[in-house]
C-alpha atoms as a PDB file:
ATOM      1  CA  MET A   1       7.551-133.757 -75.001  1.00  0.00           C
ATOM      2  CA  GLU A   2       4.969-135.165 -76.803  1.00  0.00           C
ATOM      3  CA  GLN A   3       2.381-132.315 -78.302  1.00  0.00           C
ATOM      4  CA  LYS A   4      -1.656-132.508 -77.278  1.00  0.00           C
ATOM      5  CA  ASN A   5      -3.698-133.922 -79.964  1.00  0.00           C
ATOM      6  CA  GLU A   6      -6.943-132.314 -79.580  1.00  0.00           C
ATOM      7  CA  ILE A   7      -9.409-134.184 -82.320  1.00  0.00           C
ATOM      8  CA  LEU A   8      -7.581-137.302 -81.585  1.00  0.00           C
ATOM      9  CA  GLU A   9      -8.532-136.817 -77.606  1.00  0.00           C
ATOM     10  CA  LEU A  10     -11.925-135.397 -78.302  1.00  0.00           C
ATOM     11  CA  SER A  11     -12.557-138.385 -80.915  1.00  0.00           C
ATOM     12  CA  PHE A  12     -11.421-140.624 -78.558  1.00  0.00           C
ATOM     13  CA  ASP A  13     -13.707-139.008 -75.716  1.00  0.00           C
ATOM     14  CA  PHE A  14     -16.668-138.935 -77.008  1.00  0.00           C
ATOM     15  CA  ALA A  15     -16.243-142.530 -78.713  1.00  0.00           C
ATOM     16  CA  LEU A  16     -16.671-143.207 -74.729  1.00  0.00           C
ATOM     17  CA  THR A  17     -19.357-141.190 -74.440  1.00  0.00           C
ATOM     18  CA  ILE A  18     -21.580-142.997 -77.424  1.00  0.00           C
ATOM     19  CA  ILE A  19     -20.024-146.655 -76.106  1.00  0.00           C
ATOM     20  CA  LYS A  20     -22.719-145.135 -72.928  1.00  0.00           C
ATOM     21  CA  PHE A  21     -24.575-144.355 -74.795  1.00  0.00           C
ATOM     22  CA  SER A  22     -25.177-147.288 -76.817  1.00  0.00           C
ATOM     23  CA  GLU A  23     -25.595-149.805 -73.820  1.00  0.00           C
ATOM     24  CA  LEU A  24     -28.666-147.349 -72.621  1.00  0.00           C
ATOM     25  CA  LEU A  25     -29.865-148.441 -76.091  1.00  0.00           C
ATOM     26  CA  ASP A  26     -29.184-151.756 -75.406  1.00  0.00           C
ATOM     27  CA  SER A  27     -30.643-151.594 -71.765  1.00  0.00           C
ATOM     28  CA  ASP A  28     -34.216-150.362 -73.492  1.00  0.00           C
ATOM     29  CA  LYS A  29     -33.676-153.389 -76.121  1.00  0.00           C
ATOM     30  CA  LYS A  30     -33.135-150.692 -78.608  1.00  0.00           C
ATOM     31  CA  TYR A  31     -30.585-152.965 -80.612  1.00  0.00           C
ATOM     32  CA  VAL A  32     -30.064-151.261 -84.098  1.00  0.00           C
ATOM     33  CA  ILE A  33     -29.707-148.095 -83.546  1.00  0.00           C
ATOM     34  CA  SER A  34     -27.450-149.550 -81.075  1.00  0.00           C
ATOM     35  CA  ARG A  35     -24.990-151.026 -83.376  1.00  0.00           C
ATOM     36  CA  GLN A  36     -25.312-147.997 -85.432  1.00  0.00           C
ATOM     37  CA  LEU A  37     -24.025-146.149 -83.542  1.00  0.00           C
ATOM     38  CA  LEU A  38     -21.626-147.852 -81.661  1.00  0.00           C
ATOM     39  CA  LYS A  39     -20.206-148.630 -85.210  1.00  0.00           C
ATOM     40  CA  SER A  40     -20.059-144.590 -86.651  1.00  0.00           C
ATOM     41  CA  GLY A  41     -19.431-142.631 -83.821  1.00  0.00           C
ATOM     42  CA  THR A  42     -16.335-145.395 -82.528  1.00  0.00           C
ATOM     43  CA  SER A  43     -14.996-145.181 -86.246  1.00  0.00           C
ATOM     44  CA  ILE A  44     -14.472-141.649 -86.285  1.00  0.00           C
ATOM     45  CA  GLY A  45     -11.473-141.894 -83.739  1.00  0.00           C
ATOM     46  CA  ALA A  46     -10.412-145.028 -85.590  1.00  0.00           C
ATOM     47  CA  ASN A  47      -9.989-142.837 -88.627  1.00  0.00           C
ATOM     48  CA  ILE A  48      -8.472-140.010 -87.022  1.00  0.00           C
ATOM     49  CA  LYS A  49      -6.220-142.175 -85.367  1.00  0.00           C
ATOM     50  CA  GLU A  50      -5.033-144.129 -88.853  1.00  0.00           C
ATOM     51  CA  ALA A  51      -4.635-141.088 -90.435  1.00  0.00           C
ATOM     52  CA  GLN A  52      -1.942-139.722 -87.639  1.00  0.00           C
ATOM     53  CA  ASN A  53       0.347-142.624 -89.423  1.00  0.00           C
ATOM     54  CA  ALA A  54      -0.386-141.387 -92.672  1.00  0.00           C
ATOM     55  CA  HIS A  55       1.934-142.392 -96.078  1.00  0.00           C
ATOM     56  CA  SER A  56       1.169-139.915 -97.955  1.00  0.00           C
ATOM     57  CA  ARG A  57      -1.087-136.243 -97.791  1.00  0.00           C
ATOM     58  CA  ASN A  58      -3.829-138.140-100.142  1.00  0.00           C
ATOM     59  CA  ASP A  59      -3.928-140.879 -97.754  1.00  0.00           C
ATOM     60  CA  PHE A  60      -4.211-138.349 -95.035  1.00  0.00           C
ATOM     61  CA  ILE A  61      -6.795-136.216 -95.985  1.00  0.00           C
ATOM     62  CA  SER A  62      -8.635-139.708 -97.646  1.00  0.00           C
ATOM     63  CA  LYS A  63      -8.892-140.880 -93.787  1.00  0.00           C
ATOM     64  CA  CYS A  64      -9.638-137.555 -92.646  1.00  0.00           C
ATOM     65  CA  VAL A  65     -12.270-137.830 -95.072  1.00  0.00           C
ATOM     66  CA  ILE A  66     -13.949-141.442 -94.259  1.00  0.00           C
ATOM     67  CA  ALA A  67     -13.852-139.832 -90.280  1.00  0.00           C
ATOM     68  CA  MET A  68     -16.206-137.095 -90.904  1.00  0.00           C
ATOM     69  CA  LYS A  69     -18.488-139.352 -93.386  1.00  0.00           C
ATOM     70  CA  GLU A  70     -18.183-141.658 -90.193  1.00  0.00           C
ATOM     71  CA  ALA A  71     -19.473-137.974 -88.149  1.00  0.00           C
ATOM     72  CA  ASP A  72     -22.208-137.680 -90.479  1.00  0.00           C
ATOM     73  CA  GLU A  73     -23.552-140.489 -90.144  1.00  0.00           C
ATOM     74  CA  THR A  74     -23.894-140.585 -86.159  1.00  0.00           C
ATOM     75  CA  GLU A  75     -25.440-137.329 -86.113  1.00  0.00           C
ATOM     76  CA  TYR A  76     -27.659-139.242 -88.805  1.00  0.00           C
ATOM     77  CA  TRP A  77     -28.423-141.939 -86.261  1.00  0.00           C
ATOM     78  CA  LEU A  78     -28.759-139.444 -83.121  1.00  0.00           C
ATOM     79  CA  MET A  79     -30.897-137.496 -85.020  1.00  0.00           C
ATOM     80  CA  LEU A  80     -33.392-140.078 -85.507  1.00  0.00           C
ATOM     81  CA  CYS A  81     -32.860-140.930 -81.675  1.00  0.00           C
ATOM     82  CA  GLU A  82     -34.025-137.375 -80.593  1.00  0.00           C
ATOM     83  CA  ARG A  83     -36.735-136.861 -82.959  1.00  0.00           C
ATOM     84  CA  SER A  84     -37.960-140.739 -81.646  1.00  0.00           C
ATOM     85  CA  PRO A  85     -40.377-140.780 -78.506  1.00  0.00           C
ATOM     86  CA  ASN A  86     -39.510-143.955 -77.054  1.00  0.00           C
ATOM     87  CA  TYR A  87     -35.718-143.510 -77.695  1.00  0.00           C
ATOM     88  CA  PRO A  88     -33.554-141.442 -74.815  1.00  0.00           C
ATOM     89  CA  ASN A  89     -32.713-138.355 -75.858  1.00  0.00           C
ATOM     90  CA  PRO A  90     -29.188-138.018 -77.160  1.00  0.00           C
ATOM     91  CA  GLU A  91     -28.931-134.073 -76.593  1.00  0.00           C
ATOM     92  CA  GLU A  92     -25.279-133.880 -75.119  1.00  0.00           C
ATOM     93  CA  LEU A  93     -24.221-135.990 -77.888  1.00  0.00           C
ATOM     94  CA  LEU A  94     -25.683-134.290 -81.012  1.00  0.00           C
ATOM     95  CA  LEU A  95     -23.893-131.034 -78.799  1.00  0.00           C
ATOM     96  CA  LYS A  96     -20.434-132.932 -78.646  1.00  0.00           C
ATOM     97  CA  ILE A  97     -20.621-134.095 -82.637  1.00  0.00           C
ATOM     98  CA  VAL A  98     -20.483-130.190 -83.339  1.00  0.00           C
ATOM     99  CA  SER A  99     -17.299-130.093 -81.470  1.00  0.00           C
ATOM    100  CA  ILE A 100     -14.860-133.025 -83.110  1.00  0.00           C
END
């Protein structure tokens, strides 16, 4: 039986939510932040997935550190949206980012 990998599942679900939010930003013509969020928000899970096939412990740690940096960057873009009056509120995403 395959073990459940909670961090992979959380980061994948988060990426799906980021895609939806980016599409919402695109529809509001907020292209720059939309693209930044799409890149950093989906990169979290991609790096965590890569870490699962690391060649060494150091490689695993390196991939996880990159994922954490991407999460920090994503949180930054979300905070900009939250505090900008003409942007949709990313409250749900800000709550989710701390659980990854």
